[in-house]
Each structure stands twice: as C-alpha cells, then as structure tokens.
Amino acid sequence: MFSLLWRFFPGPAWLRVIVLLLVAAALVYVLIAYVYPWAALYFQAEEATVGP
C-alpha cells in the first residue's frame, strides 16, 4: 500500500514525504472531526463503572 502511494505522488523524495504527511494529517483530522462523532451516535455505550 505504501509503495502504491509512494509511486502515485510525483516529485523528489522529500516532497513526497511532506505530501504523504499532509495527507495523513488530513485523514486523521477528518476521522476525529466527522467520522468518529457520527459513528458514536450509532454505538451508544452503556455507562460502565466499577462497583465497590
């Protein structure tokens, strides 16, 4: 998978690394900001506490 992404982006190696880091950061942002809150609506977790 990584080699496919590595060959997909043009340019020198240092530019590919920067672009791949930006793409990874954007993916993490989208997951945390949109996907996880949306999924949390459908997976209602019951409150779990440890009793005495």
PDB file of N, CA and C in Angstrom:
ATOM      1  N   MET A   1       0.831  -1.190   0.000  1.00  0.00           N
ATOM      2  CA  MET A   1       0.000   0.000   0.000  1.00  0.00           C
ATOM      3  C   MET A   1       0.873   1.250   0.000  1.00  0.00           C
ATOM      4  N   PHE A   2       1.902   1.237   0.847  1.00  0.00           N
ATOM      5  CA  PHE A   2       2.769   2.409   0.909  1.00  0.00           C
ATOM      6  C   PHE A   2       3.497   2.634  -0.409  1.00  0.00           C
ATOM      7  N   SER A   3       3.920   1.546  -1.044  1.00  0.00           N
ATOM      8  CA  SER A   3       4.637   1.714  -2.310  1.00  0.00           C
ATOM      9  C   SER A   3       3.719   2.260  -3.396  1.00  0.00           C
ATOM     10  N   LEU A   4       2.455   1.903  -3.349  1.00  0.00           N
ATOM     11  CA  LEU A   4       1.497   2.453  -4.308  1.00  0.00           C
ATOM     12  C   LEU A   4       1.360   3.961  -4.111  1.00  0.00           C
ATOM     13  N   LEU A   5       1.245   4.399  -2.859  1.00  0.00           N
ATOM     14  CA  LEU A   5       1.172   5.837  -2.583  1.00  0.00           C
ATOM     15  C   LEU A   5       2.474   6.531  -2.952  1.00  0.00           C
ATOM     16  N   TRP A   6       3.596   5.872  -2.688  1.00  0.00           N
ATOM     17  CA  TRP A   6       4.896   6.466  -2.979  1.00  0.00           C
ATOM     18  C   TRP A   6       5.059   6.712  -4.475  1.00  0.00           C
ATOM     19  N   ARG A   7       4.597   5.769  -5.300  1.00  0.00           N
ATOM     20  CA  ARG A   7       4.717   5.931  -6.746  1.00  0.00           C
ATOM     21  C   ARG A   7       3.659   6.871  -7.316  1.00  0.00           C
ATOM     22  N   PHE A   8       2.551   7.067  -6.604  1.00  0.00           N
ATOM     23  CA  PHE A   8       1.466   7.901  -7.099  1.00  0.00           C
ATOM     24  C   PHE A   8       1.840   9.379  -7.113  1.00  0.00           C
ATOM     25  N   PHE A   9       2.538   9.848  -6.070  1.00  0.00           N
ATOM     26  CA  PHE A   9       2.884  11.258  -5.968  1.00  0.00           C
ATOM     27  C   PHE A   9       4.168  11.539  -6.739  1.00  0.00           C
ATOM     28  N   PRO A  10       4.154  12.572  -7.580  1.00  0.00           N
ATOM     29  CA  PRO A  10       5.356  12.912  -8.342  1.00  0.00           C
ATOM     30  C   PRO A  10       6.316  13.759  -7.512  1.00  0.00           C
ATOM     31  N   GLY A  11       7.523  13.914  -8.010  1.00  0.00           N
ATOM     32  CA  GLY A  11       8.490  14.802  -7.373  1.00  0.00           C
ATOM     33  C   GLY A  11       9.572  14.058  -6.640  1.00  0.00           C
ATOM     34  N   PRO A  12      10.473  14.835  -6.043  1.00  0.00           N
ATOM     35  CA  PRO A  12      11.577  14.217  -5.296  1.00  0.00           C
ATOM     36  C   PRO A  12      11.082  13.594  -3.990  1.00  0.00           C
ATOM     37  N   ALA A  13      11.946  12.822  -3.373  1.00  0.00           N
ATOM     38  CA  ALA A  13      11.563  12.065  -2.183  1.00  0.00           C
ATOM     39  C   ALA A  13      11.141  12.977  -1.037  1.00  0.00           C
ATOM     40  N   TRP A  14      11.840  14.086  -0.826  1.00  0.00           N
ATOM     41  CA  TRP A  14      11.486  14.964   0.289  1.00  0.00           C
ATOM     42  C   TRP A  14      10.105  15.570   0.103  1.00  0.00           C
ATOM     43  N   LEU A  15       9.721  15.860  -1.127  1.00  0.00           N
ATOM     44  CA  LEU A  15       8.388  16.408  -1.392  1.00  0.00           C
ATOM     45  C   LEU A  15       7.319  15.339  -1.192  1.00  0.00           C
ATOM     46  N   ARG A  16       7.611  14.120  -1.570  1.00  0.00           N
ATOM     47  CA  ARG A  16       6.667  13.017  -1.361  1.00  0.00           C
ATOM     48  C   ARG A  16       6.407  12.799   0.123  1.00  0.00           C
ATOM     49  N   VAL A  17       7.458  12.877   0.918  1.00  0.00           N
ATOM     50  CA  VAL A  17       7.306  12.697   2.365  1.00  0.00           C
ATOM     51  C   VAL A  17       6.410  13.783   2.936  1.00  0.00           C
ATOM     52  N   ILE A  18       6.624  15.016   2.539  1.00  0.00           N
ATOM     53  CA  ILE A  18       5.798  16.129   3.032  1.00  0.00           C
ATOM     54  C   ILE A  18       4.351  15.945   2.610  1.00  0.00           C
ATOM     55  N   VAL A  19       4.126  15.581   1.359  1.00  0.00           N
ATOM     56  CA  VAL A  19       2.757  15.398   0.865  1.00  0.00           C
ATOM     57  C   VAL A  19       2.078  14.236   1.588  1.00  0.00           C
ATOM     58  N   LEU A  20       2.784  13.134   1.789  1.00  0.00           N
ATOM     59  CA  LEU A  20       2.199  11.991   2.492  1.00  0.00           C
ATOM     60  C   LEU A  20       1.879  12.336   3.944  1.00  0.00           C
ATOM     61  N   LEU A  21       2.728  13.134   4.605  1.00  0.00           N
ATOM     62  CA  LEU A  21       2.434  13.565   5.968  1.00  0.00           C
ATOM     63  C   LEU A  21       1.215  14.472   6.013  1.00  0.00           C
ATOM     64  N   LEU A  22       1.077  15.349   5.036  1.00  0.00           N
ATOM     65  CA  LEU A  22      -0.103  16.220   4.973  1.00  0.00           C
ATOM     66  C   LEU A  22      -1.373  15.416   4.716  1.00  0.00           C
ATOM     67  N   VAL A  23      -1.286  14.434   3.848  1.00  0.00           N
ATOM     68  CA  VAL A  23      -2.448  13.581   3.573  1.00  0.00           C
ATOM     69  C   VAL A  23      -2.826  12.782   4.814  1.00  0.00           C
ATOM     70  N   ALA A  24      -1.833  12.263   5.537  1.00  0.00           N
ATOM     71  CA  ALA A  24      -2.107  11.521   6.762  1.00  0.00           C
ATOM     72  C   ALA A  24      -2.730  12.417   7.821  1.00  0.00           C
ATOM     73  N   ALA A  25      -2.233  13.645   7.952  1.00  0.00           N
ATOM     74  CA  ALA A  25      -2.798  14.592   8.923  1.00  0.00           C
ATOM     75  C   ALA A  25      -4.237  14.957   8.559  1.00  0.00           C
ATOM     76  N   ALA A  26      -4.504  15.139   7.276  1.00  0.00           N
ATOM     77  CA  ALA A  26      -5.872  15.452   6.845  1.00  0.00           C
ATOM     78  C   ALA A  26      -6.805  14.278   7.111  1.00  0.00           C
ATOM     79  N   LEU A  27      -6.330  13.071   6.901  1.00  0.00           N
ATOM     80  CA  LEU A  27      -7.141  11.884   7.168  1.00  0.00           C
ATOM     81  C   LEU A  27      -7.468  11.761   8.654  1.00  0.00           C
ATOM     82  N   VAL A  28      -6.482  11.982   9.500  1.00  0.00           N
ATOM     83  CA  VAL A  28      -6.715  11.925  10.949  1.00  0.00           C
ATOM     84  C   VAL A  28      -7.702  13.002  11.371  1.00  0.00           C
ATOM     85  N   TYR A  29      -7.572  14.205  10.828  1.00  0.00           N
ATOM     86  CA  TYR A  29      -8.496  15.291  11.154  1.00  0.00           C
ATOM     87  C   TYR A  29      -9.924  14.943  10.763  1.00  0.00           C
ATOM     88  N   VAL A  30     -10.115  14.426   9.567  1.00  0.00           N
ATOM     89  CA  VAL A  30     -11.457  14.069   9.104  1.00  0.00           C
ATOM     90  C   VAL A  30     -12.046  12.964   9.968  1.00  0.00           C
ATOM     91  N   LEU A  31     -11.239  11.980  10.328  1.00  0.00           N
ATOM     92  CA  LEU A  31     -11.736  10.902  11.182  1.00  0.00           C
ATOM     93  C   LEU A  31     -12.172  11.432  12.537  1.00  0.00           C
ATOM     94  N   ILE A  32     -11.349  12.258  13.173  1.00  0.00           N
ATOM     95  CA  ILE A  32     -11.664  12.747  14.512  1.00  0.00           C
ATOM     96  C   ILE A  32     -12.801  13.760  14.486  1.00  0.00           C
ATOM     97  N   ALA A  33     -12.854  14.620  13.497  1.00  0.00           N
ATOM     98  CA  ALA A  33     -13.843  15.697  13.468  1.00  0.00           C
ATOM     99  C   ALA A  33     -15.208  15.247  12.952  1.00  0.00           C
ATOM    100  N   TYR A  34     -15.247  14.283  12.037  1.00  0.00           N
ATOM    101  CA  TYR A  34     -16.517  13.945  11.401  1.00  0.00           C
ATOM    102  C   TYR A  34     -16.933  12.486  11.559  1.00  0.00           C
ATOM    103  N   VAL A  35     -16.031  11.566  11.307  1.00  0.00           N
ATOM    104  CA  VAL A  35     -16.406  10.149  11.264  1.00  0.00           C
ATOM    105  C   VAL A  35     -16.685   9.600  12.655  1.00  0.00           C
ATOM    106  N   TYR A  36     -15.778   9.837  13.612  1.00  0.00           N
ATOM    107  CA  TYR A  36     -15.972   9.281  14.948  1.00  0.00           C
ATOM    108  C   TYR A  36     -17.209   9.850  15.650  1.00  0.00           C
ATOM    109  N   PRO A  37     -17.472  11.155  15.602  1.00  0.00           N
ATOM    110  CA  PRO A  37     -18.713  11.641  16.223  1.00  0.00           C
ATOM    111  C   PRO A  37     -19.968  11.069  15.558  1.00  0.00           C
ATOM    112  N   TRP A  38     -19.940  10.901  14.252  1.00  0.00           N
ATOM    113  CA  TRP A  38     -21.086  10.319  13.565  1.00  0.00           C
ATOM    114  C   TRP A  38     -21.294   8.871  13.992  1.00  0.00           C
ATOM    115  N   ALA A  39     -20.205   8.109  14.098  1.00  0.00           N
ATOM    116  CA  ALA A  39     -20.308   6.709  14.493  1.00  0.00           C
ATOM    117  C   ALA A  39     -20.722   6.582  15.957  1.00  0.00           C
ATOM    118  N   ALA A  40     -20.354   7.535  16.791  1.00  0.00           N
ATOM    119  CA  ALA A  40     -20.711   7.478  18.208  1.00  0.00           C
ATOM    120  C   ALA A  40     -22.221   7.586  18.403  1.00  0.00           C
ATOM    121  N   LEU A  41     -22.909   8.209  17.478  1.00  0.00           N
ATOM    122  CA  LEU A  41     -24.370   8.307  17.573  1.00  0.00           C
ATOM    123  C   LEU A  41     -25.031   6.941  17.422  1.00  0.00           C
ATOM    124  N   TYR A  42     -24.413   6.058  16.683  1.00  0.00           N
ATOM    125  CA  TYR A  42     -24.989   4.752  16.412  1.00  0.00           C
ATOM    126  C   TYR A  42     -24.505   3.662  17.360  1.00  0.00           C
ATOM    127  N   PHE A  43     -23.443   3.928  18.101  1.00  0.00           N
ATOM    128  CA  PHE A  43     -22.916   2.965  19.058  1.00  0.00           C
ATOM    129  C   PHE A  43     -23.009   3.551  20.459  1.00  0.00           C
ATOM    130  N   GLN A  44     -24.214   3.536  20.995  1.00  0.00           N
ATOM    131  CA  GLN A  44     -24.425   4.070  22.331  1.00  0.00           C
ATOM    132  C   GLN A  44     -23.832   3.115  23.356  1.00  0.00           C
ATOM    133  N   ALA A  45     -22.794   3.530  24.008  1.00  0.00           N
ATOM    134  CA  ALA A  45     -22.155   2.706  25.017  1.00  0.00           C
ATOM    135  C   ALA A  45     -22.846   2.938  26.352  1.00  0.00           C
ATOM    136  N   GLU A  46     -23.152   1.852  27.022  1.00  0.00           N
ATOM    137  CA  GLU A  46     -23.742   1.994  28.350  1.00  0.00           C
ATOM    138  C   GLU A  46     -22.661   2.427  29.327  1.00  0.00           C
ATOM    139  N   GLU A  47     -23.085   3.131  30.333  1.00  0.00           N
ATOM    140  CA  GLU A  47     -22.126   3.621  31.311  1.00  0.00           C
ATOM    141  C   GLU A  47     -21.586   2.449  32.124  1.00  0.00           C
ATOM    142  N   ALA A  48     -20.301   2.301  32.133  1.00  0.00           N
ATOM    143  CA  ALA A  48     -19.670   1.195  32.840  1.00  0.00           C
ATOM    144  C   ALA A  48     -18.839   1.751  33.996  1.00  0.00           C
ATOM    145  N   THR A  49     -19.194   1.349  35.187  1.00  0.00           N
ATOM    146  CA  THR A  49     -18.417   1.769  36.355  1.00  0.00           C
ATOM    147  C   THR A  49     -18.056   0.551  37.180  1.00  0.00           C
ATOM    148  N   VAL A  50     -17.033   0.689  37.942  1.00  0.00           N
ATOM    149  CA  VAL A  50     -16.596  -0.399  38.807  1.00  0.00           C
ATOM    150  C   VAL A  50     -17.203  -0.161  40.188  1.00  0.00           C
ATOM    151  N   GLY A  51     -17.936  -1.147  40.658  1.00  0.00           N
ATOM    152  CA  GLY A  51     -18.585  -1.017  41.949  1.00  0.00           C
ATOM    153  C   GLY A  51     -17.647  -1.390  43.090  1.00  0.00           C
ATOM    154  N   PRO A  52     -18.048  -1.070  44.310  1.00  0.00           N
ATOM    155  CA  PRO A  52     -17.193  -1.396  45.477  1.00  0.00           C
ATOM    156  C   PRO A  52     -17.138  -2.874  45.766  1.00  0.00           C
TER     157      PRO A  52
END
